């Protein structure tokens, strides 16, 4: 890995993100209804078309006796060719301030990836892409700028970390999720602890496809703002990833005067920025039910999911505080 002295970036933009959760109920698999093509995602990027994702939507049926809880079932995908399946599910999610937003969950079992996307209360568009094949997670935030402060329309950030086993359900299971009551507003059953990550390495966008093919599409608007951690880099290097795509960022040990951006008075000085986001609702575990056949033999089958909420805070170097103005208000 090479060491870098700081890079100047484009004029700044701003934003924030946060999170929380609640209960869920599952049901045994029900006969699937015919699927229909899904429309374009409702939450689109402030500038340019969002990339990636899958192109089918689950059935929109309402069950009359259903309580006001989420009811999801794992069912076979009708018409899916072979083992690979692509699907999209849209769920209504309650944000921490009480607002309701729509979250898009997309799965492609062929490329073994999933994507979750939601718009936060302050207008930022947050996306999580999980590449199971390469063991890579990509968080992207498109943060609205303030035009009256001379900022551009939006600022893009990408944070790339290692994907661990059992963090989220497999892509094949995600593609089979069915929604029985699309009007229900959901909250996660489990609130997982806040994760604080020090992103001390920059990723070269032009070489990022060697780490995950999804970086090229997901992080296209954040070419100069793709960050990861040195401990994750070591894991990927052991897997044979080319180390020339990584660049160590300046730290406090290199620059004694380096402060956190919220403590820095000069907008044109380098500092350590902090950005927080939350994935409000995502399927984190599979649930299994038991059945007994005529001979009394007991077997288990996948019958639903457990939902989680998880927040993240990322600390990373910026060459100017002007690129981290939201940190003034935290």
C-alpha atoms as a PDB file:
ATOM      1  CA  UNK A   1       0.000   0.000   0.000  1.00  0.00           C
ATOM      2  CA  UNK A   2       1.175   3.533  -0.762  1.00  0.00           C
ATOM      3  CA  UNK A   3       1.013   6.471   1.627  1.00  0.00           C
ATOM      4  CA  UNK A   4      -0.675   9.607   0.501  1.00  0.00           C
ATOM      5  CA  UNK A   5      -0.508  13.201   1.648  1.00  0.00           C
ATOM      6  CA  UNK A   6      -4.124  14.356   1.234  1.00  0.00           C
ATOM      7  CA  UNK A   7      -6.062  15.085  -1.908  1.00  0.00           C
ATOM      8  CA  UNK A   8      -8.140  18.068  -2.758  1.00  0.00           C
ATOM      9  CA  UNK A   9     -11.696  17.247  -3.675  1.00  0.00           C
ATOM     10  CA  UNK A  10     -14.576  18.933  -5.456  1.00  0.00           C
ATOM     11  CA  UNK A  11     -16.563  21.660  -3.645  1.00  0.00           C
ATOM     12  CA  UNK A  12     -18.466  20.275  -0.675  1.00  0.00           C
ATOM     13  CA  UNK A  13     -21.934  19.037   0.041  1.00  0.00           C
ATOM     14  CA  UNK A  14     -23.605  17.813   3.227  1.00  0.00           C
ATOM     15  CA  UNK A  15     -26.012  15.494   5.073  1.00  0.00           C
ATOM     16  CA  UNK A  16     -26.585  12.990   7.919  1.00  0.00           C
ATOM     17  CA  UNK A  17     -28.242   9.641   8.754  1.00  0.00           C
ATOM     18  CA  UNK A  18     -29.560   7.716  11.890  1.00  0.00           C
ATOM     19  CA  UNK A  19     -31.841   4.571  13.076  1.00  0.00           C
ATOM     20  CA  UNK A  20     -34.100   2.099  15.375  1.00  0.00           C
ATOM     21  CA  UNK A  21     -36.468  -1.003  15.370  1.00  0.00           C
ATOM     22  CA  UNK A  22     -39.521  -3.237  16.628  1.00  0.00           C
ATOM     23  CA  UNK A  23     -41.501  -6.638  16.318  1.00  0.00           C
ATOM     24  CA  UNK A  24     -42.287  -8.986  13.397  1.00  0.00           C
ATOM     25  CA  UNK A  25     -44.419 -12.079  12.694  1.00  0.00           C
ATOM     26  CA  UNK A  26     -43.926 -14.782  10.104  1.00  0.00           C
ATOM     27  CA  UNK A  27     -46.261 -17.292   8.456  1.00  0.00           C
ATOM     28  CA  UNK A  28     -45.803 -20.659   6.708  1.00  0.00           C
ATOM     29  CA  UNK A  29     -45.281 -20.456   2.936  1.00  0.00           C
ATOM     30  CA  UNK A  30     -48.448 -19.505   1.024  1.00  0.00           C
ATOM     31  CA  UNK A  31     -49.253 -20.222  -2.643  1.00  0.00           C
ATOM     32  CA  UNK A  32     -47.531 -17.504  -4.688  1.00  0.00           C
ATOM     33  CA  UNK A  33     -49.486 -15.002  -6.757  1.00  0.00           C
ATOM     34  CA  UNK A  34     -48.344 -14.056 -10.282  1.00  0.00           C
ATOM     35  CA  UNK A  35     -45.560 -11.494 -10.381  1.00  0.00           C
ATOM     36  CA  UNK A  36     -45.594  -8.357 -12.455  1.00  0.00           C
ATOM     37  CA  UNK A  37     -42.789  -6.038 -13.635  1.00  0.00           C
ATOM     38  CA  UNK A  38     -41.814  -3.411 -11.094  1.00  0.00           C
ATOM     39  CA  UNK A  39     -41.736   0.334 -11.883  1.00  0.00           C
ATOM     40  CA  UNK A  40     -38.679   2.518 -11.563  1.00  0.00           C
ATOM     41  CA  UNK A  41     -37.593   2.990  -7.892  1.00  0.00           C
ATOM     42  CA  UNK A  42     -39.454   5.814  -6.183  1.00  0.00           C
ATOM     43  CA  UNK A  43     -36.354   7.128  -4.412  1.00  0.00           C
ATOM     44  CA  UNK A  44     -33.977   8.138  -7.137  1.00  0.00           C
ATOM     45  CA  UNK A  45     -30.595   9.809  -6.839  1.00  0.00           C
ATOM     46  CA  UNK A  46     -30.579  13.631  -6.766  1.00  0.00           C
ATOM     47  CA  UNK A  47     -28.499  13.620  -9.928  1.00  0.00           C
ATOM     48  CA  UNK A  48     -28.197  10.793 -12.427  1.00  0.00           C
ATOM     49  CA  UNK A  49     -29.932   7.401 -12.496  1.00  0.00           C
ATOM     50  CA  UNK A  50     -29.291   4.916  -9.712  1.00  0.00           C
ATOM     51  CA  UNK A  51     -27.360   1.905 -10.889  1.00  0.00           C
ATOM     52  CA  UNK A  52     -27.672  -1.769 -10.132  1.00  0.00           C
ATOM     53  CA  UNK A  53     -30.620  -3.692  -8.728  1.00  0.00           C
ATOM     54  CA  UNK A  54     -33.068  -6.323  -9.947  1.00  0.00           C
ATOM     55  CA  UNK A  55     -36.251  -6.115 -11.932  1.00  0.00           C
ATOM     56  CA  UNK A  56     -39.216  -7.969 -10.377  1.00  0.00           C
ATOM     57  CA  UNK A  57     -41.668  -6.948  -7.663  1.00  0.00           C
ATOM     58  CA  UNK A  58     -43.506  -9.232  -5.254  1.00  0.00           C
ATOM     59  CA  UNK A  59     -47.306  -9.625  -5.246  1.00  0.00           C
ATOM     60  CA  UNK A  60     -49.375  -6.878  -3.596  1.00  0.00           C
ATOM     61  CA  UNK A  61     -52.087  -8.853  -1.753  1.00  0.00           C
ATOM     62  CA  UNK A  62     -53.821  -8.008   1.492  1.00  0.00           C
ATOM     63  CA  UNK A  63     -55.016 -10.641   3.949  1.00  0.00           C
ATOM     64  CA  UNK A  64     -58.221  -9.568   5.719  1.00  0.00           C
ATOM     65  CA  UNK A  65     -57.537 -11.040   9.170  1.00  0.00           C
ATOM     66  CA  UNK A  66     -53.874 -10.023   9.352  1.00  0.00           C
ATOM     67  CA  UNK A  67     -52.808  -8.015  12.431  1.00  0.00           C
ATOM     68  CA  UNK A  68     -50.832  -4.807  11.948  1.00  0.00           C
ATOM     69  CA  UNK A  69     -47.494  -6.636  11.923  1.00  0.00           C
ATOM     70  CA  UNK A  70     -45.162  -7.691   9.135  1.00  0.00           C
ATOM     71  CA  UNK A  71     -45.951 -11.116   7.648  1.00  0.00           C
ATOM     72  CA  UNK A  72     -43.283 -12.451   5.338  1.00  0.00           C
ATOM     73  CA  UNK A  73     -43.020 -15.958   3.925  1.00  0.00           C
ATOM     74  CA  UNK A  74     -40.284 -17.721   2.017  1.00  0.00           C
ATOM     75  CA  UNK A  75     -41.886 -19.123  -1.149  1.00  0.00           C
ATOM     76  CA  UNK A  76     -40.605 -20.425  -4.495  1.00  0.00           C
ATOM     77  CA  UNK A  77     -40.238 -17.782  -7.180  1.00  0.00           C
ATOM     78  CA  UNK A  78     -42.716 -18.509  -9.982  1.00  0.00           C
ATOM     79  CA  UNK A  79     -41.123 -18.643 -13.393  1.00  0.00           C
ATOM     80  CA  UNK A  80     -37.563 -18.353 -12.076  1.00  0.00           C
ATOM     81  CA  UNK A  81     -35.223 -20.161 -14.513  1.00  0.00           C
ATOM     82  CA  UNK A  82     -33.034 -22.664 -12.684  1.00  0.00           C
ATOM     83  CA  UNK A  83     -31.474 -21.901  -9.290  1.00  0.00           C
ATOM     84  CA  UNK A  84     -30.751 -18.214 -10.035  1.00  0.00           C
ATOM     85  CA  UNK A  85     -33.459 -15.657  -9.205  1.00  0.00           C
ATOM     86  CA  UNK A  86     -33.772 -11.859  -9.258  1.00  0.00           C
ATOM     87  CA  UNK A  87     -36.369 -10.033  -7.207  1.00  0.00           C
ATOM     88  CA  UNK A  88     -37.305  -6.724  -5.624  1.00  0.00           C
ATOM     89  CA  UNK A  89     -39.328  -6.165  -2.461  1.00  0.00           C
ATOM     90  CA  UNK A  90     -40.556  -2.763  -1.249  1.00  0.00           C
ATOM     91  CA  UNK A  91     -41.379  -2.324   2.428  1.00  0.00           C
ATOM     92  CA  UNK A  92     -42.630   0.646   4.438  1.00  0.00           C
ATOM     93  CA  UNK A  93     -40.285   1.505   7.308  1.00  0.00           C
ATOM     94  CA  UNK A  94     -40.654   3.925  10.213  1.00  0.00           C
ATOM     95  CA  UNK A  95     -37.705   6.283  10.739  1.00  0.00           C
ATOM     96  CA  UNK A  96     -36.509   7.404  14.209  1.00  0.00           C
ATOM     97  CA  UNK A  97     -38.388  10.723  14.011  1.00  0.00           C
ATOM     98  CA  UNK A  98     -41.672   8.961  13.238  1.00  0.00           C
ATOM     99  CA  UNK A  99     -41.659   9.534   9.458  1.00  0.00           C
ATOM    100  CA  UNK A 100     -42.442   6.608   7.164  1.00  0.00           C
ATOM    101  CA  UNK A 101     -40.239   5.867   4.165  1.00  0.00           C
ATOM    102  CA  UNK A 102     -40.176   3.135   1.529  1.00  0.00           C
ATOM    103  CA  UNK A 103     -37.197   0.797   1.530  1.00  0.00           C
ATOM    104  CA  UNK A 104     -36.218  -1.198  -1.544  1.00  0.00           C
ATOM    105  CA  UNK A 105     -34.640  -4.653  -1.121  1.00  0.00           C
ATOM    106  CA  UNK A 106     -33.200  -6.211  -4.273  1.00  0.00           C
ATOM    107  CA  UNK A 107     -31.641  -9.646  -4.645  1.00  0.00           C
ATOM    108  CA  UNK A 108     -29.807 -11.444  -7.445  1.00  0.00           C
ATOM    109  CA  UNK A 109     -28.949 -15.004  -6.514  1.00  0.00           C
ATOM    110  CA  UNK A 110     -27.178 -15.456  -9.871  1.00  0.00           C
ATOM    111  CA  UNK A 111     -24.455 -12.931  -8.993  1.00  0.00           C
ATOM    112  CA  UNK A 112     -24.941 -13.681  -5.252  1.00  0.00           C
ATOM    113  CA  UNK A 113     -25.588 -10.098  -4.150  1.00  0.00           C
ATOM    114  CA  UNK A 114     -28.284  -8.040  -2.492  1.00  0.00           C
ATOM    115  CA  UNK A 115     -28.969  -4.308  -2.273  1.00  0.00           C
ATOM    116  CA  UNK A 116     -31.018  -2.275   0.227  1.00  0.00           C
ATOM    117  CA  UNK A 117     -31.905   1.364  -0.357  1.00  0.00           C
ATOM    118  CA  UNK A 118     -33.827   3.975   1.633  1.00  0.00           C
ATOM    119  CA  UNK A 119     -34.109   7.741   1.930  1.00  0.00           C
ATOM    120  CA  UNK A 120     -33.404   9.179   5.378  1.00  0.00           C
ATOM    121  CA  UNK A 121     -35.344  11.950   7.131  1.00  0.00           C
ATOM    122  CA  UNK A 122     -32.864  14.623   5.963  1.00  0.00           C
ATOM    123  CA  UNK A 123     -33.175  13.539   2.328  1.00  0.00           C
ATOM    124  CA  UNK A 124     -29.953  11.527   2.008  1.00  0.00           C
ATOM    125  CA  UNK A 125     -30.218   8.357  -0.086  1.00  0.00           C
ATOM    126  CA  UNK A 126     -28.475   5.420   1.640  1.00  0.00           C
ATOM    127  CA  UNK A 127     -27.642   2.159  -0.135  1.00  0.00           C
ATOM    128  CA  UNK A 128     -26.122  -1.060   1.204  1.00  0.00           C
ATOM    129  CA  UNK A 129     -24.794  -3.577  -1.326  1.00  0.00           C
ATOM    130  CA  UNK A 130     -23.651  -6.991  -0.083  1.00  0.00           C
ATOM    131  CA  UNK A 131     -21.401  -8.994  -2.431  1.00  0.00           C
ATOM    132  CA  UNK A 132     -21.391 -12.491  -0.898  1.00  0.00           C
ATOM    133  CA  UNK A 133     -19.073 -13.893  -3.549  1.00  0.00           C
ATOM    134  CA  UNK A 134     -16.261 -11.433  -2.758  1.00  0.00           C
ATOM    135  CA  UNK A 135     -17.150 -10.973   0.946  1.00  0.00           C
ATOM    136  CA  UNK A 136     -17.563  -7.226   0.480  1.00  0.00           C
ATOM    137  CA  UNK A 137     -20.117  -4.730   1.835  1.00  0.00           C
ATOM    138  CA  UNK A 138     -20.517  -1.329   0.154  1.00  0.00           C
ATOM    139  CA  UNK A 139     -22.304   1.545   1.869  1.00  0.00           C
ATOM    140  CA  UNK A 140     -23.130   4.523  -0.334  1.00  0.00           C
ATOM    141  CA  UNK A 141     -24.618   7.828   0.816  1.00  0.00           C
ATOM    142  CA  UNK A 142     -25.870  10.520  -1.564  1.00  0.00           C
ATOM    143  CA  UNK A 143     -26.084  13.591   0.666  1.00  0.00           C
ATOM    144  CA  UNK A 144     -28.075  16.659  -0.327  1.00  0.00           C
ATOM    145  CA  UNK A 145     -26.090  19.894  -0.560  1.00  0.00           C
ATOM    146  CA  UNK A 146     -27.125  23.388   0.525  1.00  0.00           C
ATOM    147  CA  UNK A 147     -27.132  25.616  -2.536  1.00  0.00           C
ATOM    148  CA  UNK A 148     -27.271  28.784  -0.419  1.00  0.00           C
ATOM    149  CA  UNK A 149     -23.849  27.833   1.005  1.00  0.00           C
ATOM    150  CA  UNK A 150     -22.343  27.407  -2.429  1.00  0.00           C
ATOM    151  CA  UNK A 151     -22.571  23.615  -2.396  1.00  0.00           C
ATOM    152  CA  UNK A 152     -23.327  21.323  -5.315  1.00  0.00           C
ATOM    153  CA  UNK A 153     -26.586  19.415  -5.587  1.00  0.00           C
ATOM    154  CA  UNK A 154     -25.301  16.371  -3.717  1.00  0.00           C
ATOM    155  CA  UNK A 155     -22.181  14.749  -2.289  1.00  0.00           C
ATOM    156  CA  UNK A 156     -21.443  11.032  -2.657  1.00  0.00           C
ATOM    157  CA  UNK A 157     -19.539   8.843  -0.174  1.00  0.00           C
ATOM    158  CA  UNK A 158     -18.682   5.132  -0.364  1.00  0.00           C
ATOM    159  CA  UNK A 159     -17.509   2.990   2.551  1.00  0.00           C
ATOM    160  CA  UNK A 160     -16.277  -0.527   1.745  1.00  0.00           C
ATOM    161  CA  UNK A 161     -15.914  -3.150   4.487  1.00  0.00           C
ATOM    162  CA  UNK A 162     -15.590  -6.902   4.842  1.00  0.00           C
ATOM    163  CA  UNK A 163     -18.852  -8.873   4.747  1.00  0.00           C
ATOM    164  CA  UNK A 164     -18.954 -11.455   7.549  1.00  0.00           C
ATOM    165  CA  UNK A 165     -21.008 -14.643   7.606  1.00  0.00           C
ATOM    166  CA  UNK A 166     -24.521 -14.450   9.046  1.00  0.00           C
ATOM    167  CA  UNK A 167     -24.717 -10.644   8.896  1.00  0.00           C
ATOM    168  CA  UNK A 168     -27.652 -10.841   6.501  1.00  0.00           C
ATOM    169  CA  UNK A 169     -29.688 -13.636   4.925  1.00  0.00           C
ATOM    170  CA  UNK A 170     -28.332 -15.254   1.719  1.00  0.00           C
ATOM    171  CA  UNK A 171     -29.225 -13.740  -1.653  1.00  0.00           C
ATOM    172  CA  UNK A 172     -31.181 -16.850  -2.659  1.00  0.00           C
ATOM    173  CA  UNK A 173     -33.410 -16.535   0.429  1.00  0.00           C
ATOM    174  CA  UNK A 174     -33.794 -12.773  -0.071  1.00  0.00           C
ATOM    175  CA  UNK A 175     -34.992 -13.368  -3.635  1.00  0.00           C
ATOM    176  CA  UNK A 176     -37.733 -15.667  -2.317  1.00  0.00           C
ATOM    177  CA  UNK A 177     -39.177 -13.271   0.271  1.00  0.00           C
ATOM    178  CA  UNK A 178     -42.886 -12.542  -0.159  1.00  0.00           C
ATOM    179  CA  UNK A 179     -44.802  -9.600   1.264  1.00  0.00           C
ATOM    180  CA  UNK A 180     -48.352 -10.373   2.423  1.00  0.00           C
ATOM    181  CA  UNK A 181     -49.374  -6.921   3.655  1.00  0.00           C
ATOM    182  CA  UNK A 182     -47.643  -4.086   1.769  1.00  0.00           C
ATOM    183  CA  UNK A 183     -49.382  -1.333   3.780  1.00  0.00           C
ATOM    184  CA  UNK A 184     -47.842  -2.385   7.111  1.00  0.00           C
ATOM    185  CA  UNK A 185     -45.251   0.001   8.539  1.00  0.00           C
ATOM    186  CA  UNK A 186     -42.375  -2.090   9.856  1.00  0.00           C
ATOM    187  CA  UNK A 187     -39.880  -1.804  12.654  1.00  0.00           C
ATOM    188  CA  UNK A 188     -37.041  -4.244  13.209  1.00  0.00           C
ATOM    189  CA  UNK A 189     -37.359  -7.002  15.803  1.00  0.00           C
ATOM    190  CA  UNK A 190     -33.734  -6.612  16.883  1.00  0.00           C
ATOM    191  CA  UNK A 191     -31.636  -3.462  17.242  1.00  0.00           C
ATOM    192  CA  UNK A 192     -27.990  -4.388  16.767  1.00  0.00           C
ATOM    193  CA  UNK A 193     -25.303  -2.265  18.377  1.00  0.00           C
ATOM    194  CA  UNK A 194     -23.838   0.835  16.734  1.00  0.00           C
ATOM    195  CA  UNK A 195     -20.592   0.043  14.894  1.00  0.00           C
ATOM    196  CA  UNK A 196     -17.877   2.740  14.896  1.00  0.00           C
ATOM    197  CA  UNK A 197     -15.366   2.292  12.054  1.00  0.00           C
ATOM    198  CA  UNK A 198     -12.128   4.136  11.343  1.00  0.00           C
ATOM    199  CA  UNK A 199     -11.774   4.281   7.554  1.00  0.00           C
ATOM    200  CA  UNK A 200      -8.040   4.873   7.208  1.00  0.00           C
ATOM    201  CA  UNK A 201      -7.492   3.720   3.595  1.00  0.00           C
ATOM    202  CA  UNK A 202      -8.702   5.149   0.263  1.00  0.00           C
ATOM    203  CA  UNK A 203      -9.755   2.861  -2.620  1.00  0.00           C
ATOM    204  CA  UNK A 204      -8.763   3.655  -6.216  1.00  0.00           C
ATOM    205  CA  UNK A 205     -12.031   3.693  -8.179  1.00  0.00           C
ATOM    206  CA  UNK A 206     -10.460   2.644 -11.496  1.00  0.00           C
ATOM    207  CA  UNK A 207      -9.068  -0.531  -9.879  1.00  0.00           C
ATOM    208  CA  UNK A 208     -11.935  -1.195  -7.490  1.00  0.00           C
ATOM    209  CA  UNK A 209     -13.603  -3.788  -9.731  1.00  0.00           C
ATOM    210  CA  UNK A 210     -10.830  -6.189  -8.702  1.00  0.00           C
ATOM    211  CA  UNK A 211     -12.218  -6.018  -5.158  1.00  0.00           C
ATOM    212  CA  UNK A 212     -15.914  -6.133  -6.175  1.00  0.00           C
ATOM    213  CA  UNK A 213     -17.506  -5.635  -9.571  1.00  0.00           C
ATOM    214  CA  UNK A 214     -20.273  -3.629  -7.860  1.00  0.00           C
ATOM    215  CA  UNK A 215     -17.929  -0.780  -6.880  1.00  0.00           C
ATOM    216  CA  UNK A 216     -17.875   0.463 -10.491  1.00  0.00           C
ATOM    217  CA  UNK A 217     -21.647   1.066 -10.488  1.00  0.00           C
ATOM    218  CA  UNK A 218     -22.447   1.783  -6.856  1.00  0.00           C
ATOM    219  CA  UNK A 219     -19.574   4.241  -6.262  1.00  0.00           C
ATOM    220  CA  UNK A 220     -19.495   5.965  -9.668  1.00  0.00           C
ATOM    221  CA  UNK A 221     -20.554   9.302  -8.116  1.00  0.00           C
ATOM    222  CA  UNK A 222     -17.975   8.937  -5.309  1.00  0.00           C
ATOM    223  CA  UNK A 223     -14.803   8.290  -7.303  1.00  0.00           C
ATOM    224  CA  UNK A 224     -12.670  10.481  -5.007  1.00  0.00           C
ATOM    225  CA  UNK A 225     -14.412   9.432  -1.781  1.00  0.00           C
ATOM    226  CA  UNK A 226     -14.198   5.637  -1.451  1.00  0.00           C
ATOM    227  CA  UNK A 227     -12.887   4.502   1.930  1.00  0.00           C
ATOM    228  CA  UNK A 228     -12.054   1.245   3.688  1.00  0.00           C
ATOM    229  CA  UNK A 229     -10.121  -0.044   6.738  1.00  0.00           C
ATOM    230  CA  UNK A 230      -6.567  -1.324   6.909  1.00  0.00           C
ATOM    231  CA  UNK A 231      -7.683  -4.462   8.786  1.00  0.00           C
ATOM    232  CA  UNK A 232     -10.116  -5.311   5.981  1.00  0.00           C
ATOM    233  CA  UNK A 233      -7.430  -4.618   3.373  1.00  0.00           C
ATOM    234  CA  UNK A 234      -5.200  -7.233   5.045  1.00  0.00           C
ATOM    235  CA  UNK A 235      -7.980  -9.807   4.727  1.00  0.00           C
ATOM    236  CA  UNK A 236      -8.504  -9.053   1.021  1.00  0.00           C
ATOM    237  CA  UNK A 237      -4.746  -9.077   0.303  1.00  0.00           C
ATOM    238  CA  UNK A 238      -4.590 -12.599   1.722  1.00  0.00           C
ATOM    239  CA  UNK A 239      -7.255 -13.553  -0.819  1.00  0.00           C
ATOM    240  CA  UNK A 240      -5.049 -12.262  -3.646  1.00  0.00           C
ATOM    241  CA  UNK A 241      -6.504  -8.797  -4.267  1.00  0.00           C
ATOM    242  CA  UNK A 242      -4.066  -6.315  -5.853  1.00  0.00           C
ATOM    243  CA  UNK A 243      -2.744  -3.997  -3.135  1.00  0.00           C
ATOM    244  CA  UNK A 244      -2.042  -1.133  -5.564  1.00  0.00           C
ATOM    245  CA  UNK A 245      -5.690  -0.065  -5.406  1.00  0.00           C
ATOM    246  CA  UNK A 246      -5.314   0.939  -1.736  1.00  0.00           C
ATOM    247  CA  UNK A 247      -3.796   4.181  -0.436  1.00  0.00           C
ATOM    248  CA  UNK A 248      -3.157   4.818   3.265  1.00  0.00           C
ATOM    249  CA  UNK A 249      -4.683   8.120   4.395  1.00  0.00           C
ATOM    250  CA  UNK A 250      -2.970  10.603   6.761  1.00  0.00           C
ATOM    251  CA  UNK A 251      -3.641   9.998  10.456  1.00  0.00           C
ATOM    252  CA  UNK A 252      -3.146  11.979  13.658  1.00  0.00           C
ATOM    253  CA  UNK A 253       0.224  10.296  14.143  1.00  0.00           C
ATOM    254  CA  UNK A 254       1.342  11.751  10.781  1.00  0.00           C
ATOM    255  CA  UNK A 255      -0.190  15.213  11.318  1.00  0.00           C
ATOM    256  CA  UNK A 256      -0.130  16.246  15.001  1.00  0.00           C
ATOM    257  CA  UNK A 257      -2.413  19.228  14.279  1.00  0.00           C
ATOM    258  CA  UNK A 258      -5.080  17.018  12.631  1.00  0.00           C
ATOM    259  CA  UNK A 259      -8.374  17.555  14.469  1.00  0.00           C
ATOM    260  CA  UNK A 260     -11.899  16.257  14.188  1.00  0.00           C
ATOM    261  CA  UNK A 261     -13.816  18.409  11.731  1.00  0.00           C
ATOM    262  CA  UNK A 262     -16.394  19.538  14.306  1.00  0.00           C
ATOM    263  CA  UNK A 263     -13.523  21.039  16.361  1.00  0.00           C
ATOM    264  CA  UNK A 264     -11.737  22.614  13.398  1.00  0.00           C
ATOM    265  CA  UNK A 265     -12.413  26.344  12.888  1.00  0.00           C
ATOM    266  CA  UNK A 266     -10.813  26.672   9.443  1.00  0.00           C
ATOM    267  CA  UNK A 267     -12.971  25.261   6.652  1.00  0.00           C
ATOM    268  CA  UNK A 268      -9.959  24.829   4.373  1.00  0.00           C
ATOM    269  CA  UNK A 269      -7.826  22.757   6.760  1.00  0.00           C
ATOM    270  CA  UNK A 270      -7.703  18.928   6.668  1.00  0.00           C
ATOM    271  CA  UNK A 271      -9.522  17.101   9.454  1.00  0.00           C
ATOM    272  CA  UNK A 272     -11.139  13.803  10.475  1.00  0.00           C
ATOM    273  CA  UNK A 273     -14.761  13.740   9.329  1.00  0.00           C
ATOM    274  CA  UNK A 274     -17.492  11.620  10.889  1.00  0.00           C
ATOM    275  CA  UNK A 275     -20.580  10.392   9.025  1.00  0.00           C
ATOM    276  CA  UNK A 276     -23.381   8.250  10.474  1.00  0.00           C
ATOM    277  CA  UNK A 277     -26.022   6.190   8.719  1.00  0.00           C
ATOM    278  CA  UNK A 278     -28.507   3.501   9.663  1.00  0.00           C
ATOM    279  CA  UNK A 279     -30.049   0.553   7.863  1.00  0.00           C
ATOM    280  CA  UNK A 280     -33.489   0.743   9.490  1.00  0.00           C
ATOM    281  CA  UNK A 281     -34.836  -2.660   8.489  1.00  0.00           C
ATOM    282  CA  UNK A 282     -33.167  -5.674   6.900  1.00  0.00           C
ATOM    283  CA  UNK A 283     -33.560  -9.476   7.035  1.00  0.00           C
ATOM    284  CA  UNK A 284     -30.661 -10.546   9.250  1.00  0.00           C
ATOM    285  CA  UNK A 285     -31.585 -14.176  10.042  1.00  0.00           C
ATOM    286  CA  UNK A 286     -33.736 -17.010   8.722  1.00  0.00           C
ATOM    287  CA  UNK A 287     -36.444 -18.558  10.878  1.00  0.00           C
ATOM    288  CA  UNK A 288     -37.174 -22.291  10.785  1.00  0.00           C
ATOM    289  CA  UNK A 289     -40.434 -24.088  11.525  1.00  0.00           C
ATOM    290  CA  UNK A 290     -40.945 -27.812  12.252  1.00  0.00           C
ATOM    291  CA  UNK A 291     -43.358 -30.201  10.601  1.00  0.00           C
ATOM    292  CA  UNK A 292     -44.256 -33.825  11.293  1.00  0.00           C
ATOM    293  CA  UNK A 293     -45.140 -36.328   8.571  1.00  0.00           C
ATOM    294  CA  UNK A 294     -47.668 -39.171   8.792  1.00  0.00           C
ATOM    295  CA  UNK A 295     -45.011 -41.469  10.208  1.00  0.00           C
ATOM    296  CA  UNK A 296     -44.167 -39.018  12.990  1.00  0.00           C
ATOM    297  CA  UNK A 297     -40.835 -37.927  11.551  1.00  0.00           C
ATOM    298  CA  UNK A 298     -39.985 -34.300  12.388  1.00  0.00           C
ATOM    299  CA  UNK A 299     -38.297 -32.035   9.828  1.00  0.00           C
ATOM    300  CA  UNK A 300     -37.560 -28.310   9.676  1.00  0.00           C
ATOM    301  CA  UNK A 301     -38.090 -25.831   6.859  1.00  0.00           C
ATOM    302  CA  UNK A 302     -37.467 -22.119   6.242  1.00  0.00           C
ATOM    303  CA  UNK A 303     -40.632 -20.267   7.158  1.00  0.00           C
ATOM    304  CA  UNK A 304     -39.674 -16.607   7.579  1.00  0.00           C
ATOM    305  CA  UNK A 305     -37.054 -14.117   8.631  1.00  0.00           C
ATOM    306  CA  UNK A 306     -35.917 -12.101  11.623  1.00  0.00           C
ATOM    307  CA  UNK A 307     -35.446  -8.390  10.945  1.00  0.00           C
ATOM    308  CA  UNK A 308     -32.718  -6.148  12.363  1.00  0.00           C
ATOM    309  CA  UNK A 309     -31.718  -2.491  12.479  1.00  0.00           C
ATOM    310  CA  UNK A 310     -28.079  -1.422  12.630  1.00  0.00           C
ATOM    311  CA  UNK A 311     -26.308   1.929  12.728  1.00  0.00           C
ATOM    312  CA  UNK A 312     -22.786   2.780  11.571  1.00  0.00           C
ATOM    313  CA  UNK A 313     -20.461   5.730  12.177  1.00  0.00           C
ATOM    314  CA  UNK A 314     -17.515   6.175   9.816  1.00  0.00           C
ATOM    315  CA  UNK A 315     -14.473   8.345  10.609  1.00  0.00           C
ATOM    316  CA  UNK A 316     -12.239   9.304   7.668  1.00  0.00           C
ATOM    317  CA  UNK A 317      -9.719  11.912   6.530  1.00  0.00           C
ATOM    318  CA  UNK A 318     -10.779  14.851   4.355  1.00  0.00           C
ATOM    319  CA  UNK A 319      -8.329  17.397   2.867  1.00  0.00           C
ATOM    320  CA  UNK A 320     -10.727  20.266   3.740  1.00  0.00           C
ATOM    321  CA  UNK A 321     -13.352  20.703   6.445  1.00  0.00           C
ATOM    322  CA  UNK A 322     -15.491  22.171   3.646  1.00  0.00           C
ATOM    323  CA  UNK A 323     -16.180  18.544   2.650  1.00  0.00           C
ATOM    324  CA  UNK A 324     -17.653  17.739   6.068  1.00  0.00           C
ATOM    325  CA  UNK A 325     -19.908  20.637   7.008  1.00  0.00           C
ATOM    326  CA  UNK A 326     -22.592  18.384   8.564  1.00  0.00           C
ATOM    327  CA  UNK A 327     -20.117  17.625  11.362  1.00  0.00           C
ATOM    328  CA  UNK A 328     -20.585  21.208  12.604  1.00  0.00           C
ATOM    329  CA  UNK A 329     -24.059  20.305  13.825  1.00  0.00           C
ATOM    330  CA  UNK A 330     -23.434  16.948  15.544  1.00  0.00           C
END
